[in-house]
Amino acid sequence: MKPSVAQLENLLALKRHEGPGEEYWQGFLSEFHQRQQEPAEVGSGLMNVFGQIGTWFADLGPSKWVYAAGLAYTTVTVAWILIPKDLMLEAAPLTPVNYKVVPAPAPKNEHPAPVDLSSST
């Protein structure tokens, strides 16, 4: 049995009013934004670290300033404790050395035998 044109129009009118709820759209938007930001976060090495630090500082709140100041204070304190202040270097004992300079033997002045460059050879 084929539906009539009026029945199809009624069915389409009902379907136009159907749609997902507000929770679906909020979840979709948050997932969409998260997927958009993933390629920007994918990286390697030092540039990725700088990117993460930049992102972290981009959305700073008051508590993150406190964390950053605490981290800087801790780093300076640990460096101050671990770096030695007075290095005691002992000088190596001096020992006299006697060098005897021997002159090199004089080169021999031997002349090679004359080479015959005539055309008869």
PDB file of N, CA and C in Angstrom:
ATOM      1  N   MET A   1       0.839  -1.174   0.000  1.00  0.00           N
ATOM      2  CA  MET A   1       0.000   0.000   0.000  1.00  0.00           C
ATOM      3  C   MET A   1       0.886   1.239   0.000  1.00  0.00           C
ATOM      4  N   LYS A   2       0.640   2.112  -0.942  1.00  0.00           N
ATOM      5  CA  LYS A   2       1.409   3.334  -1.062  1.00  0.00           C
ATOM      6  C   LYS A   2       0.761   4.422  -0.223  1.00  0.00           C
ATOM      7  N   PRO A   3       1.668   5.202   0.504  1.00  0.00           N
ATOM      8  CA  PRO A   3       1.078   6.312   1.268  1.00  0.00           C
ATOM      9  C   PRO A   3       0.658   7.435   0.327  1.00  0.00           C
ATOM     10  N   SER A   4      -0.312   8.149   0.747  1.00  0.00           N
ATOM     11  CA  SER A   4      -0.792   9.257  -0.089  1.00  0.00           C
ATOM     12  C   SER A   4       0.125  10.472   0.120  1.00  0.00           C
ATOM     13  N   VAL A   5      -0.063  11.456  -0.730  1.00  0.00           N
ATOM     14  CA  VAL A   5       0.749  12.668  -0.656  1.00  0.00           C
ATOM     15  C   VAL A   5       0.475  13.392   0.652  1.00  0.00           C
ATOM     16  N   ALA A   6      -0.731  13.403   1.101  1.00  0.00           N
ATOM     17  CA  ALA A   6      -1.095  14.080   2.349  1.00  0.00           C
ATOM     18  C   ALA A   6      -0.419  13.396   3.530  1.00  0.00           C
ATOM     19  N   GLN A   7      -0.394  12.056   3.511  1.00  0.00           N
ATOM     20  CA  GLN A   7       0.259  11.326   4.597  1.00  0.00           C
ATOM     21  C   GLN A   7       1.766  11.610   4.620  1.00  0.00           C
ATOM     22  N   LEU A   8       2.385  11.679   3.447  1.00  0.00           N
ATOM     23  CA  LEU A   8       3.816  11.987   3.378  1.00  0.00           C
ATOM     24  C   LEU A   8       4.102  13.403   3.883  1.00  0.00           C
ATOM     25  N   GLU A   9       3.237  14.347   3.528  1.00  0.00           N
ATOM     26  CA  GLU A   9       3.431  15.711   4.004  1.00  0.00           C
ATOM     27  C   GLU A   9       3.303  15.795   5.519  1.00  0.00           C
ATOM     28  N   ASN A  10       2.345  15.071   6.083  1.00  0.00           N
ATOM     29  CA  ASN A  10       2.170  15.039   7.547  1.00  0.00           C
ATOM     30  C   ASN A  10       3.399  14.418   8.227  1.00  0.00           C
ATOM     31  N   LEU A  11       3.904  13.330   7.645  1.00  0.00           N
ATOM     32  CA  LEU A  11       5.077  12.650   8.201  1.00  0.00           C
ATOM     33  C   LEU A  11       6.302  13.573   8.150  1.00  0.00           C
ATOM     34  N   LEU A  12       6.509  14.252   7.035  1.00  0.00           N
ATOM     35  CA  LEU A  12       7.642  15.171   6.919  1.00  0.00           C
ATOM     36  C   LEU A  12       7.495  16.355   7.879  1.00  0.00           C
ATOM     37  N   ALA A  13       6.297  16.831   8.082  1.00  0.00           N
ATOM     38  CA  ALA A  13       6.072  17.933   9.022  1.00  0.00           C
ATOM     39  C   ALA A  13       6.409  17.501  10.442  1.00  0.00           C
ATOM     40  N   LEU A  14       6.073  16.253  10.801  1.00  0.00           N
ATOM     41  CA  LEU A  14       6.411  15.744  12.130  1.00  0.00           C
ATOM     42  C   LEU A  14       7.935  15.582  12.278  1.00  0.00           C
ATOM     43  N   LYS A  15       8.587  15.101  11.256  1.00  0.00           N
ATOM     44  CA  LYS A  15      10.023  14.856  11.317  1.00  0.00           C
ATOM     45  C   LYS A  15      10.832  16.159  11.403  1.00  0.00           C
ATOM     46  N   ARG A  16      10.281  17.241  10.840  1.00  0.00           N
ATOM     47  CA  ARG A  16      10.995  18.522  10.911  1.00  0.00           C
ATOM     48  C   ARG A  16      11.132  19.007  12.346  1.00  0.00           C
ATOM     49  N   HIS A  17      10.198  18.677  13.174  1.00  0.00           N
ATOM     50  CA  HIS A  17      10.215  19.139  14.566  1.00  0.00           C
ATOM     51  C   HIS A  17      11.028  18.223  15.469  1.00  0.00           C
ATOM     52  N   GLU A  18      11.432  17.061  14.978  1.00  0.00           N
ATOM     53  CA  GLU A  18      12.246  16.162  15.780  1.00  0.00           C
ATOM     54  C   GLU A  18      13.710  16.565  15.673  1.00  0.00           C
ATOM     55  N   GLY A  19      14.437  16.404  16.726  1.00  0.00           N
ATOM     56  CA  GLY A  19      15.865  16.729  16.713  1.00  0.00           C
ATOM     57  C   GLY A  19      16.495  16.342  18.035  1.00  0.00           C
ATOM     58  N   PRO A  20      17.812  16.327  18.076  1.00  0.00           N
ATOM     59  CA  PRO A  20      18.487  15.970  19.320  1.00  0.00           C
ATOM     60  C   PRO A  20      18.309  17.067  20.370  1.00  0.00           C
ATOM     61  N   GLY A  21      18.444  16.674  21.603  1.00  0.00           N
ATOM     62  CA  GLY A  21      18.267  17.608  22.712  1.00  0.00           C
ATOM     63  C   GLY A  21      19.466  18.543  22.875  1.00  0.00           C
ATOM     64  N   GLU A  22      19.343  19.449  23.832  1.00  0.00           N
ATOM     65  CA  GLU A  22      20.400  20.442  24.090  1.00  0.00           C
ATOM     66  C   GLU A  22      21.682  19.796  24.602  1.00  0.00           C
ATOM     67  N   GLU A  23      21.561  18.707  25.378  1.00  0.00           N
ATOM     68  CA  GLU A  23      22.755  18.022  25.900  1.00  0.00           C
ATOM     69  C   GLU A  23      23.592  17.467  24.746  1.00  0.00           C
ATOM     70  N   TYR A  24      22.943  16.961  23.724  1.00  0.00           N
ATOM     71  CA  TYR A  24      23.667  16.412  22.574  1.00  0.00           C
ATOM     72  C   TYR A  24      24.509  17.498  21.919  1.00  0.00           C
ATOM     73  N   TRP A  25      23.917  18.688  21.725  1.00  0.00           N
ATOM     74  CA  TRP A  25      24.649  19.754  21.052  1.00  0.00           C
ATOM     75  C   TRP A  25      25.808  20.266  21.906  1.00  0.00           C
ATOM     76  N   GLN A  26      25.639  20.334  23.218  1.00  0.00           N
ATOM     77  CA  GLN A  26      26.730  20.774  24.088  1.00  0.00           C
ATOM     78  C   GLN A  26      27.885  19.770  24.052  1.00  0.00           C
ATOM     79  N   GLY A  27      27.551  18.478  24.111  1.00  0.00           N
ATOM     80  CA  GLY A  27      28.588  17.445  24.019  1.00  0.00           C
ATOM     81  C   GLY A  27      29.281  17.477  22.672  1.00  0.00           C
ATOM     82  N   PHE A  28      28.493  17.671  21.620  1.00  0.00           N
ATOM     83  CA  PHE A  28      29.065  17.736  20.270  1.00  0.00           C
ATOM     84  C   PHE A  28      30.024  18.919  20.143  1.00  0.00           C
ATOM     85  N   LEU A  29      29.623  20.091  20.657  1.00  0.00           N
ATOM     86  CA  LEU A  29      30.480  21.273  20.563  1.00  0.00           C
ATOM     87  C   LEU A  29      31.782  21.098  21.350  1.00  0.00           C
ATOM     88  N   SER A  30      31.687  20.537  22.551  1.00  0.00           N
ATOM     89  CA  SER A  30      32.915  20.363  23.343  1.00  0.00           C
ATOM     90  C   SER A  30      33.841  19.354  22.669  1.00  0.00           C
ATOM     91  N   GLU A  31      33.299  18.273  22.133  1.00  0.00           N
ATOM     92  CA  GLU A  31      34.126  17.284  21.432  1.00  0.00           C
ATOM     93  C   GLU A  31      34.722  17.882  20.150  1.00  0.00           C
ATOM     94  N   PHE A  32      33.932  18.688  19.454  1.00  0.00           N
ATOM     95  CA  PHE A  32      34.414  19.332  18.229  1.00  0.00           C
ATOM     96  C   PHE A  32      35.589  20.265  18.516  1.00  0.00           C
ATOM     97  N   HIS A  33      35.460  21.080  19.565  1.00  0.00           N
ATOM     98  CA  HIS A  33      36.541  21.996  19.915  1.00  0.00           C
ATOM     99  C   HIS A  33      37.780  21.234  20.388  1.00  0.00           C
ATOM    100  N   GLN A  34      37.565  20.159  21.111  1.00  0.00           N
ATOM    101  CA  GLN A  34      38.699  19.352  21.577  1.00  0.00           C
ATOM    102  C   GLN A  34      39.446  18.744  20.390  1.00  0.00           C
ATOM    103  N   ARG A  35      38.711  18.244  19.420  1.00  0.00           N
ATOM    104  CA  ARG A  35      39.358  17.656  18.235  1.00  0.00           C
ATOM    105  C   ARG A  35      40.049  18.715  17.385  1.00  0.00           C
ATOM    106  N   GLN A  36      39.538  19.930  17.391  1.00  0.00           N
ATOM    107  CA  GLN A  36      40.189  21.011  16.656  1.00  0.00           C
ATOM    108  C   GLN A  36      41.529  21.376  17.289  1.00  0.00           C
ATOM    109  N   GLN A  37      41.610  21.312  18.600  1.00  0.00           N
ATOM    110  CA  GLN A  37      42.834  21.702  19.296  1.00  0.00           C
ATOM    111  C   GLN A  37      43.876  20.589  19.311  1.00  0.00           C
ATOM    112  N   GLU A  38      43.505  19.345  19.086  1.00  0.00           N
ATOM    113  CA  GLU A  38      44.455  18.230  19.124  1.00  0.00           C
ATOM    114  C   GLU A  38      45.583  18.367  18.113  1.00  0.00           C
ATOM    115  N   PRO A  39      45.355  18.724  16.852  1.00  0.00           N
ATOM    116  CA  PRO A  39      46.499  18.858  15.936  1.00  0.00           C
ATOM    117  C   PRO A  39      47.473  19.946  16.367  1.00  0.00           C
ATOM    118  N   ALA A  40      46.982  20.978  17.014  1.00  0.00           N
ATOM    119  CA  ALA A  40      47.877  22.030  17.475  1.00  0.00           C
ATOM    120  C   ALA A  40      48.746  21.536  18.620  1.00  0.00           C
ATOM    121  N   GLU A  41      48.229  20.610  19.419  1.00  0.00           N
ATOM    122  CA  GLU A  41      48.987  20.106  20.556  1.00  0.00           C
ATOM    123  C   GLU A  41      49.949  18.998  20.167  1.00  0.00           C
ATOM    124  N   VAL A  42      49.719  18.371  19.026  1.00  0.00           N
ATOM    125  CA  VAL A  42      50.593  17.284  18.605  1.00  0.00           C
ATOM    126  C   VAL A  42      51.891  17.892  18.098  1.00  0.00           C
ATOM    127  N   GLY A  43      52.982  17.451  18.622  1.00  0.00           N
ATOM    128  CA  GLY A  43      54.289  17.959  18.239  1.00  0.00           C
ATOM    129  C   GLY A  43      55.341  17.112  18.913  1.00  0.00           C
ATOM    130  N   SER A  44      56.559  17.490  18.733  1.00  0.00           N
ATOM    131  CA  SER A  44      57.600  16.710  19.366  1.00  0.00           C
ATOM    132  C   SER A  44      58.719  17.630  19.791  1.00  0.00           C
ATOM    133  N   GLY A  45      59.427  17.195  20.784  1.00  0.00           N
ATOM    134  CA  GLY A  45      60.636  17.875  21.197  1.00  0.00           C
ATOM    135  C   GLY A  45      60.398  19.171  21.929  1.00  0.00           C
ATOM    136  N   LEU A  46      61.333  20.059  21.768  1.00  0.00           N
ATOM    137  CA  LEU A  46      61.371  21.305  22.506  1.00  0.00           C
ATOM    138  C   LEU A  46      60.227  22.240  22.111  1.00  0.00           C
ATOM    139  N   MET A  47      59.858  22.242  20.840  1.00  0.00           N
ATOM    140  CA  MET A  47      58.775  23.120  20.412  1.00  0.00           C
ATOM    141  C   MET A  47      57.450  22.733  21.067  1.00  0.00           C
ATOM    142  N   ASN A  48      57.234  21.448  21.285  1.00  0.00           N
ATOM    143  CA  ASN A  48      56.022  21.001  21.955  1.00  0.00           C
ATOM    144  C   ASN A  48      55.999  21.495  23.398  1.00  0.00           C
ATOM    145  N   VAL A  49      57.152  21.451  24.067  1.00  0.00           N
ATOM    146  CA  VAL A  49      57.222  21.925  25.454  1.00  0.00           C
ATOM    147  C   VAL A  49      56.937  23.418  25.507  1.00  0.00           C
ATOM    148  N   PHE A  50      57.551  24.188  24.581  1.00  0.00           N
ATOM    149  CA  PHE A  50      57.284  25.623  24.560  1.00  0.00           C
ATOM    150  C   PHE A  50      55.816  25.907  24.257  1.00  0.00           C
ATOM    151  N   GLY A  51      55.228  25.113  23.384  1.00  0.00           N
ATOM    152  CA  GLY A  51      53.812  25.297  23.073  1.00  0.00           C
ATOM    153  C   GLY A  51      52.923  25.034  24.271  1.00  0.00           C
ATOM    154  N   GLN A  52      53.244  23.992  25.034  1.00  0.00           N
ATOM    155  CA  GLN A  52      52.454  23.682  26.224  1.00  0.00           C
ATOM    156  C   GLN A  52      52.616  24.764  27.284  1.00  0.00           C
ATOM    157  N   ILE A  53      53.841  25.266  27.442  1.00  0.00           N
ATOM    158  CA  ILE A  53      54.066  26.338  28.418  1.00  0.00           C
ATOM    159  C   ILE A  53      53.310  27.590  27.994  1.00  0.00           C
ATOM    160  N   GLY A  54      53.333  27.891  26.697  1.00  0.00           N
ATOM    161  CA  GLY A  54      52.593  29.053  26.203  1.00  0.00           C
ATOM    162  C   GLY A  54      51.101  28.912  26.409  1.00  0.00           C
ATOM    163  N   THR A  55      50.581  27.711  26.168  1.00  0.00           N
ATOM    164  CA  THR A  55      49.158  27.466  26.393  1.00  0.00           C
ATOM    165  C   THR A  55      48.813  27.604  27.870  1.00  0.00           C
ATOM    166  N   TRP A  56      49.714  27.101  28.716  1.00  0.00           N
ATOM    167  CA  TRP A  56      49.478  27.158  30.156  1.00  0.00           C
ATOM    168  C   TRP A  56      49.434  28.610  30.618  1.00  0.00           C
ATOM    169  N   PHE A  57      50.364  29.445  30.119  1.00  0.00           N
ATOM    170  CA  PHE A  57      50.381  30.841  30.525  1.00  0.00           C
ATOM    171  C   PHE A  57      49.268  31.645  29.858  1.00  0.00           C
ATOM    172  N   ALA A  58      48.751  31.160  28.732  1.00  0.00           N
ATOM    173  CA  ALA A  58      47.701  31.896  28.029  1.00  0.00           C
ATOM    174  C   ALA A  58      46.426  31.979  28.858  1.00  0.00           C
ATOM    175  N   ASP A  59      46.085  30.909  29.555  1.00  0.00           N
ATOM    176  CA  ASP A  59      44.865  30.939  30.365  1.00  0.00           C
ATOM    177  C   ASP A  59      45.224  30.905  31.852  1.00  0.00           C
ATOM    178  N   LEU A  60      46.020  31.889  32.251  1.00  0.00           N
ATOM    179  CA  LEU A  60      46.438  31.979  33.650  1.00  0.00           C
ATOM    180  C   LEU A  60      45.313  32.504  34.522  1.00  0.00           C
ATOM    181  N   GLY A  61      45.192  31.890  35.656  1.00  0.00           N
ATOM    182  CA  GLY A  61      44.317  32.384  36.699  1.00  0.00           C
ATOM    183  C   GLY A  61      45.189  32.763  37.882  1.00  0.00           C
ATOM    184  N   PRO A  62      44.595  33.281  38.918  1.00  0.00           N
ATOM    185  CA  PRO A  62      45.392  33.677  40.093  1.00  0.00           C
ATOM    186  C   PRO A  62      46.153  32.499  40.715  1.00  0.00           C
ATOM    187  N   SER A  63      45.552  31.331  40.715  1.00  0.00           N
ATOM    188  CA  SER A  63      46.231  30.195  41.343  1.00  0.00           C
ATOM    189  C   SER A  63      47.450  29.755  40.536  1.00  0.00           C
ATOM    190  N   LYS A  64      47.401  29.891  39.216  1.00  0.00           N
ATOM    191  CA  LYS A  64      48.554  29.497  38.402  1.00  0.00           C
ATOM    192  C   LYS A  64      49.725  30.445  38.601  1.00  0.00           C
ATOM    193  N   TRP A  65      49.447  31.719  38.892  1.00  0.00           N
ATOM    194  CA  TRP A  65      50.540  32.643  39.197  1.00  0.00           C
ATOM    195  C   TRP A  65      51.242  32.212  40.484  1.00  0.00           C
ATOM    196  N   VAL A  66      50.454  31.759  41.448  1.00  0.00           N
ATOM    197  CA  VAL A  66      51.041  31.291  42.707  1.00  0.00           C
ATOM    198  C   VAL A  66      51.876  30.048  42.456  1.00  0.00           C
ATOM    199  N   TYR A  67      51.372  29.125  41.630  1.00  0.00           N
ATOM    200  CA  TYR A  67      52.134  27.912  41.313  1.00  0.00           C
ATOM    201  C   TYR A  67      53.434  28.256  40.590  1.00  0.00           C
ATOM    202  N   ALA A  68      53.364  29.188  39.646  1.00  0.00           N
ATOM    203  CA  ALA A  68      54.569  29.572  38.899  1.00  0.00           C
ATOM    204  C   ALA A  68      55.591  30.225  39.819  1.00  0.00           C
ATOM    205  N   ALA A  69      55.132  31.096  40.713  1.00  0.00           N
ATOM    206  CA  ALA A  69      56.057  31.745  41.651  1.00  0.00           C
ATOM    207  C   ALA A  69      56.667  30.722  42.599  1.00  0.00           C
ATOM    208  N   GLY A  70      55.875  29.776  43.067  1.00  0.00           N
ATOM    209  CA  GLY A  70      56.394  28.725  43.943  1.00  0.00           C
ATOM    210  C   GLY A  70      57.409  27.848  43.240  1.00  0.00           C
ATOM    211  N   LEU A  71      57.138  27.527  41.977  1.00  0.00           N
ATOM    212  CA  LEU A  71      58.080  26.716  41.198  1.00  0.00           C
ATOM    213  C   LEU A  71      59.387  27.475  40.978  1.00  0.00           C
ATOM    214  N   ALA A  72      59.315  28.747  40.677  1.00  0.00           N
ATOM    215  CA  ALA A  72      60.526  29.549  40.488  1.00  0.00           C
ATOM    216  C   ALA A  72      61.315  29.650  41.793  1.00  0.00           C
ATOM    217  N   TYR A  73      60.632  29.875  42.898  1.00  0.00           N
ATOM    218  CA  TYR A  73      61.305  29.968  44.204  1.00  0.00           C
ATOM    219  C   TYR A  73      61.980  28.644  44.554  1.00  0.00           C
ATOM    220  N   THR A  74      61.294  27.537  44.300  1.00  0.00           N
ATOM    221  CA  THR A  74      61.864  26.222  44.586  1.00  0.00           C
ATOM    222  C   THR A  74      63.088  25.964  43.719  1.00  0.00           C
ATOM    223  N   THR A  75      63.023  26.318  42.456  1.00  0.00           N
ATOM    224  CA  THR A  75      64.150  26.110  41.553  1.00  0.00           C
ATOM    225  C   THR A  75      65.367  26.902  42.004  1.00  0.00           C
ATOM    226  N   VAL A  76      65.175  28.166  42.363  1.00  0.00           N
ATOM    227  CA  VAL A  76      66.290  28.994  42.823  1.00  0.00           C
ATOM    228  C   VAL A  76      66.868  28.454  44.123  1.00  0.00           C
ATOM    229  N   THR A  77      66.011  28.033  45.043  1.00  0.00           N
ATOM    230  CA  THR A  77      66.478  27.507  46.322  1.00  0.00           C
ATOM    231  C   THR A  77      67.280  26.221  46.133  1.00  0.00           C
ATOM    232  N   VAL A  78      66.797  25.313  45.322  1.00  0.00           N
ATOM    233  CA  VAL A  78      67.512  24.056  45.074  1.00  0.00           C
ATOM    234  C   VAL A  78      68.844  24.329  44.394  1.00  0.00           C
ATOM    235  N   ALA A  79      68.866  25.240  43.445  1.00  0.00           N
ATOM    236  CA  ALA A  79      70.123  25.581  42.776  1.00  0.00           C
ATOM    237  C   ALA A  79      71.102  26.200  43.762  1.00  0.00           C
ATOM    238  N   TRP A  80      70.635  27.057  44.667  1.00  0.00           N
ATOM    239  CA  TRP A  80      71.487  27.701  45.654  1.00  0.00           C
ATOM    240  C   TRP A  80      72.075  26.674  46.624  1.00  0.00           C
ATOM    241  N   ILE A  81      71.294  25.656  46.953  1.00  0.00           N
ATOM    242  CA  ILE A  81      71.772  24.621  47.869  1.00  0.00           C
ATOM    243  C   ILE A  81      72.758  23.685  47.171  1.00  0.00           C
ATOM    244  N   LEU A  82      72.472  23.303  45.941  1.00  0.00           N
ATOM    245  CA  LEU A  82      73.278  22.286  45.268  1.00  0.00           C
ATOM    246  C   LEU A  82      74.560  22.808  44.635  1.00  0.00           C
ATOM    247  N   ILE A  83      74.624  24.077  44.288  1.00  0.00           N
ATOM    248  CA  ILE A  83      75.839  24.602  43.656  1.00  0.00           C
ATOM    249  C   ILE A  83      76.875  24.861  44.742  1.00  0.00           C
ATOM    250  N   PRO A  84      78.065  24.272  44.612  1.00  0.00           N
ATOM    251  CA  PRO A  84      79.086  24.474  45.658  1.00  0.00           C
ATOM    252  C   PRO A  84      79.571  25.925  45.664  1.00  0.00           C
ATOM    253  N   LYS A  85      79.800  26.414  46.880  1.00  0.00           N
ATOM    254  CA  LYS A  85      80.183  27.815  47.011  1.00  0.00           C
ATOM    255  C   LYS A  85      81.696  28.006  46.934  1.00  0.00           C
ATOM    256  N   ASP A  86      82.446  27.246  47.702  1.00  0.00           N
ATOM    257  CA  ASP A  86      83.905  27.381  47.717  1.00  0.00           C
ATOM    258  C   ASP A  86      84.517  26.072  47.265  1.00  0.00           C
ATOM    259  N   LEU A  87      85.076  26.093  46.114  1.00  0.00           N
ATOM    260  CA  LEU A  87      85.773  24.918  45.630  1.00  0.00           C
ATOM    261  C   LEU A  87      87.217  25.034  46.055  1.00  0.00           C
ATOM    262  N   MET A  88      87.695  24.073  46.802  1.00  0.00           N
ATOM    263  CA  MET A  88      89.083  24.058  47.225  1.00  0.00           C
ATOM    264  C   MET A  88      89.864  23.260  46.193  1.00  0.00           C
ATOM    265  N   LEU A  89      90.674  23.941  45.431  1.00  0.00           N
ATOM    266  CA  LEU A  89      91.492  23.277  44.442  1.00  0.00           C
ATOM    267  C   LEU A  89      92.916  23.187  44.969  1.00  0.00           C
ATOM    268  N   GLU A  90      93.440  21.995  44.980  1.00  0.00           N
ATOM    269  CA  GLU A  90      94.813  21.812  45.425  1.00  0.00           C
ATOM    270  C   GLU A  90      95.727  21.935  44.212  1.00  0.00           C
ATOM    271  N   ALA A  91      96.761  22.727  44.378  1.00  0.00           N
ATOM    272  CA  ALA A  91      97.713  22.897  43.296  1.00  0.00           C
ATOM    273  C   ALA A  91      98.611  21.662  43.234  1.00  0.00           C
ATOM    274  N   ALA A  92      98.930  21.234  42.051  1.00  0.00           N
ATOM    275  CA  ALA A  92      99.821  20.088  41.887  1.00  0.00           C
ATOM    276  C   ALA A  92     101.223  20.494  42.327  1.00  0.00           C
ATOM    277  N   PRO A  93     101.941  19.604  42.983  1.00  0.00           N
ATOM    278  CA  PRO A  93     103.290  19.955  43.430  1.00  0.00           C
ATOM    279  C   PRO A  93     104.205  20.186  42.226  1.00  0.00           C
ATOM    280  N   LEU A  94     105.060  21.188  42.370  1.00  0.00           N
ATOM    281  CA  LEU A  94     105.971  21.525  41.288  1.00  0.00           C
ATOM    282  C   LEU A  94     107.205  20.639  41.372  1.00  0.00           C
ATOM    283  N   THR A  95     107.572  20.040  40.284  1.00  0.00           N
ATOM    284  CA  THR A  95     108.780  19.224  40.226  1.00  0.00           C
ATOM    285  C   THR A  95     109.652  19.765  39.107  1.00  0.00           C
ATOM    286  N   PRO A  96     110.929  19.965  39.410  1.00  0.00           N
ATOM    287  CA  PRO A  96     111.802  20.478  38.355  1.00  0.00           C
ATOM    288  C   PRO A  96     112.045  19.413  37.300  1.00  0.00           C
ATOM    289  N   VAL A  97     112.126  19.882  36.076  1.00  0.00           N
ATOM    290  CA  VAL A  97     112.344  18.972  34.958  1.00  0.00           C
ATOM    291  C   VAL A  97     113.588  19.449  34.222  1.00  0.00           C
ATOM    292  N   ASN A  98     114.497  18.533  33.951  1.00  0.00           N
ATOM    293  CA  ASN A  98     115.695  18.866  33.191  1.00  0.00           C
ATOM    294  C   ASN A  98     115.534  18.327  31.782  1.00  0.00           C
ATOM    295  N   TYR A  99     115.460  19.245  30.863  1.00  0.00           N
ATOM    296  CA  TYR A  99     115.362  18.852  29.469  1.00  0.00           C
ATOM    297  C   TYR A  99     116.728  19.035  28.822  1.00  0.00           C
ATOM    298  N   LYS A 100     117.162  18.050  28.089  1.00  0.00           N
ATOM    299  CA  LYS A 100     118.424  18.146  27.385  1.00  0.00           C
ATOM    300  C   LYS A 100     118.093  18.280  25.902  1.00  0.00           C
ATOM    301  N   VAL A 101     118.530  19.366  25.322  1.00  0.00           N
ATOM    302  CA  VAL A 101     118.249  19.617  23.923  1.00  0.00           C
ATOM    303  C   VAL A 101     119.408  19.061  23.108  1.00  0.00           C
ATOM    304  N   VAL A 102     119.116  18.142  22.232  1.00  0.00           N
ATOM    305  CA  VAL A 102     120.120  17.521  21.377  1.00  0.00           C
ATOM    306  C   VAL A 102     119.923  18.080  19.976  1.00  0.00           C
ATOM    307  N   PRO A 103     120.981  18.646  19.383  1.00  0.00           N
ATOM    308  CA  PRO A 103     120.798  19.176  18.035  1.00  0.00           C
ATOM    309  C   PRO A 103     120.587  18.055  17.036  1.00  0.00           C
ATOM    310  N   ALA A 104     119.803  18.342  16.032  1.00  0.00           N
ATOM    311  CA  ALA A 104     119.534  17.356  14.993  1.00  0.00           C
ATOM    312  C   ALA A 104     120.780  17.181  14.135  1.00  0.00           C
ATOM    313  N   PRO A 105     121.015  15.970  13.614  1.00  0.00           N
ATOM    314  CA  PRO A 105     122.201  15.781  12.779  1.00  0.00           C
ATOM    315  C   PRO A 105     122.080  16.597  11.492  1.00  0.00           C
ATOM    316  N   ALA A 106     123.227  17.052  11.001  1.00  0.00           N
ATOM    317  CA  ALA A 106     123.245  17.859   9.790  1.00  0.00           C
ATOM    318  C   ALA A 106     122.843  16.998   8.604  1.00  0.00           C
ATOM    319  N   PRO A 107     122.064  17.531   7.691  1.00  0.00           N
ATOM    320  CA  PRO A 107     121.647  16.732   6.542  1.00  0.00           C
ATOM    321  C   PRO A 107     122.830  16.478   5.604  1.00  0.00           C
ATOM    322  N   LYS A 108     122.837  15.320   5.002  1.00  0.00           N
ATOM    323  CA  LYS A 108     123.893  14.960   4.066  1.00  0.00           C
ATOM    324  C   LYS A 108     123.603  15.644   2.731  1.00  0.00           C
ATOM    325  N   ASN A 109     124.628  16.198   2.142  1.00  0.00           N
ATOM    326  CA  ASN A 109     124.471  16.860   0.853  1.00  0.00           C
ATOM    327  C   ASN A 109     124.908  15.916  -0.257  1.00  0.00           C
ATOM    328  N   GLU A 110     124.183  14.933  -0.485  1.00  0.00           N
ATOM    329  CA  GLU A 110     124.505  14.008  -1.568  1.00  0.00           C
ATOM    330  C   GLU A 110     123.765  14.454  -2.811  1.00  0.00           C
ATOM    331  N   HIS A 111     124.500  14.562  -3.893  1.00  0.00           N
ATOM    332  CA  HIS A 111     123.869  14.930  -5.147  1.00  0.00           C
ATOM    333  C   HIS A 111     123.537  13.659  -5.898  1.00  0.00           C
ATOM    334  N   PRO A 112     122.368  13.546  -6.436  1.00  0.00           N
ATOM    335  CA  PRO A 112     122.035  12.347  -7.177  1.00  0.00           C
ATOM    336  C   PRO A 112     122.826  12.287  -8.485  1.00  0.00           C
ATOM    337  N   ALA A 113     122.933  11.124  -9.012  1.00  0.00           N
ATOM    338  CA  ALA A 113     123.651  10.944 -10.261  1.00  0.00           C
ATOM    339  C   ALA A 113     122.936  11.715 -11.364  1.00  0.00           C
ATOM    340  N   PRO A 114     123.687  12.312 -12.299  1.00  0.00           N
ATOM    341  CA  PRO A 114     123.033  13.077 -13.343  1.00  0.00           C
ATOM    342  C   PRO A 114     122.183  12.166 -14.236  1.00  0.00           C
ATOM    343  N   VAL A 115     121.052  12.672 -14.629  1.00  0.00           N
ATOM    344  CA  VAL A 115     120.134  11.934 -15.461  1.00  0.00           C
ATOM    345  C   VAL A 115     120.413  12.267 -16.912  1.00  0.00           C
ATOM    346  N   ASP A 116     120.518  11.235 -17.725  1.00  0.00           N
ATOM    347  CA  ASP A 116     120.783  11.412 -19.149  1.00  0.00           C
ATOM    348  C   ASP A 116     119.465  11.644 -19.865  1.00  0.00           C
ATOM    349  N   LEU A 117     119.287  12.838 -20.371  1.00  0.00           N
ATOM    350  CA  LEU A 117     118.017  13.191 -21.033  1.00  0.00           C
ATOM    351  C   LEU A 117     118.182  13.278 -22.544  1.00  0.00           C
ATOM    352  N   SER A 118     119.222  12.737 -23.047  1.00  0.00           N
ATOM    353  CA  SER A 118     119.423  12.806 -24.498  1.00  0.00           C
ATOM    354  C   SER A 118     118.437  11.898 -25.206  1.00  0.00           C
ATOM    355  N   SER A 119     118.251  12.158 -26.492  1.00  0.00           N
ATOM    356  CA  SER A 119     117.286  11.402 -27.272  1.00  0.00           C
ATOM    357  C   SER A 119     117.770  10.018 -27.612  1.00  0.00           C
ATOM    358  N   SER A 120     119.054   9.720 -27.440  1.00  0.00           N
ATOM    359  CA  SER A 120     119.565   8.398 -27.780  1.00  0.00           C
ATOM    360  C   SER A 120     119.230   7.346 -26.746  1.00  0.00           C
ATOM    361  N   THR A 121     118.787   7.699 -25.610  1.00  0.00           N
ATOM    362  CA  THR A 121     118.481   6.710 -24.576  1.00  0.00           C
ATOM    363  C   THR A 121     117.037   6.310 -24.560  1.00  0.00           C
TER     364      THR A 121
END
